[in-house]
Amino acid sequence: MTFSETKIVIKERNDLSDPLEIKNDVRHGDALTCLLFNLALKKVVRDSNINTRGNIFNKSIQLLIFADDIDIIARTPTALRQTFLSLEK
């Protein structure tokens, strides 16, 4: 029930997107689910050919990945969009 009608917004600089409804969720609390999700996520990031070495001080994007969350930090809106599209692909 805690995931019903869940919505998110995306922040780019000081602009917020319109709310987006989350329609799929991942069951929480099972250690195996988290492990399997992390393995799949690692493959997605590796296959996207995104440079994961270093940090935002010496490159244009940085990914922060923990459990089932990905934060994309980018220096420009273009870099953010390109990184998102690489991950989505």
Protein backbone atom coordinates (compact mmCIF):
# COMPACT_ATOMS: atom_id res chain seq x y z
CA MET A 1 0.00 0.00 0.00
CA THR A 2 2.92 2.37 0.57
CA PHE A 3 3.69 2.31 -3.15
CA SER A 4 0.20 3.05 -4.43
CA GLU A 5 -0.14 6.39 -6.20
CA THR A 6 3.57 7.18 -5.72
CA LYS A 7 4.82 10.13 -7.76
CA ILE A 8 8.24 11.62 -8.45
CA VAL A 9 9.54 14.87 -9.92
CA ILE A 10 12.82 15.46 -11.72
CA LYS A 11 14.89 18.49 -10.77
CA GLU A 12 17.12 20.12 -13.38
CA ARG A 13 18.86 23.19 -12.02
CA ASN A 14 15.98 25.00 -10.27
CA ASP A 15 13.21 23.65 -12.50
CA LEU A 16 10.96 20.77 -11.46
CA SER A 17 9.22 18.50 -13.94
CA ASP A 18 5.54 17.68 -13.78
CA PRO A 19 4.85 14.80 -11.36
CA LEU A 20 5.29 11.32 -12.85
CA GLU A 21 3.41 8.36 -11.44
CA ILE A 22 5.43 5.26 -10.52
CA LYS A 23 3.58 2.24 -11.93
CA ASN A 24 6.08 -0.54 -11.13
CA ASP A 25 7.83 -1.18 -7.87
CA VAL A 26 10.40 -3.58 -6.47
CA ARG A 27 9.63 -5.62 -3.38
CA HIS A 28 11.73 -4.39 -0.49
CA GLY A 29 13.13 -6.22 2.49
CA ASP A 30 14.46 -9.32 0.73
CA ALA A 31 18.28 -9.44 0.62
CA LEU A 32 18.27 -11.60 -2.52
CA THR A 33 16.14 -9.05 -4.39
CA CYS A 34 18.66 -6.29 -3.62
CA LEU A 35 21.60 -8.48 -4.71
CA LEU A 36 19.95 -9.48 -7.99
CA PHE A 37 18.94 -5.89 -8.71
CA ASN A 38 22.49 -4.67 -8.10
CA LEU A 39 23.91 -7.31 -10.45
CA ALA A 40 21.47 -6.30 -13.20
CA LEU A 41 22.12 -2.60 -12.61
CA LYS A 42 25.89 -3.12 -12.78
CA LYS A 43 25.49 -4.76 -16.20
CA VAL A 44 23.28 -1.90 -17.43
CA VAL A 45 25.88 0.70 -16.39
CA ARG A 46 28.74 -1.33 -17.87
CA ASP A 47 26.89 -1.84 -21.19
CA SER A 48 26.09 1.89 -21.41
CA ASN A 49 29.82 2.70 -21.83
CA ILE A 50 29.56 5.54 -19.32
CA ASN A 51 32.89 6.47 -17.73
CA THR A 52 32.47 5.60 -14.03
CA ARG A 53 36.04 6.43 -12.99
CA GLY A 54 36.82 9.66 -11.17
CA ASN A 55 34.26 12.16 -9.91
CA ILE A 56 32.33 15.24 -11.02
CA PHE A 57 35.38 17.47 -10.44
CA ASN A 58 37.23 15.98 -13.41
CA LYS A 59 34.45 14.86 -15.79
CA SER A 60 31.05 16.05 -17.00
CA ILE A 61 28.84 13.40 -15.32
CA GLN A 62 28.84 11.18 -12.27
CA LEU A 63 26.55 8.31 -11.33
CA LEU A 64 25.61 7.67 -7.70
CA ILE A 65 24.15 4.20 -7.43
CA PHE A 66 22.83 2.61 -4.26
CA ALA A 67 20.39 -0.30 -3.99
CA ASP A 68 17.59 0.52 -6.45
CA ASP A 69 18.38 4.21 -6.95
CA ILE A 70 20.48 5.98 -9.57
CA ASP A 71 21.36 9.66 -9.30
CA ILE A 72 22.88 11.30 -12.36
CA ILE A 73 24.94 14.38 -11.57
CA ALA A 74 25.89 16.37 -14.65
CA ARG A 75 27.55 19.67 -15.44
CA THR A 76 25.16 20.46 -18.30
CA PRO A 77 21.59 19.57 -19.28
CA THR A 78 22.96 18.00 -22.49
CA ALA A 79 25.29 15.70 -20.54
CA LEU A 80 22.39 14.73 -18.27
CA ARG A 81 20.14 13.85 -21.22
CA GLN A 82 22.86 11.87 -23.01
CA THR A 83 23.65 9.89 -19.88
CA PHE A 84 19.98 9.15 -19.23
CA LEU A 85 19.47 8.01 -22.82
CA SER A 86 22.57 5.77 -22.62
CA LEU A 87 21.22 4.10 -19.50
CA GLU A 88 17.73 3.79 -20.94
CA LYS A 89 19.05 2.19 -24.13
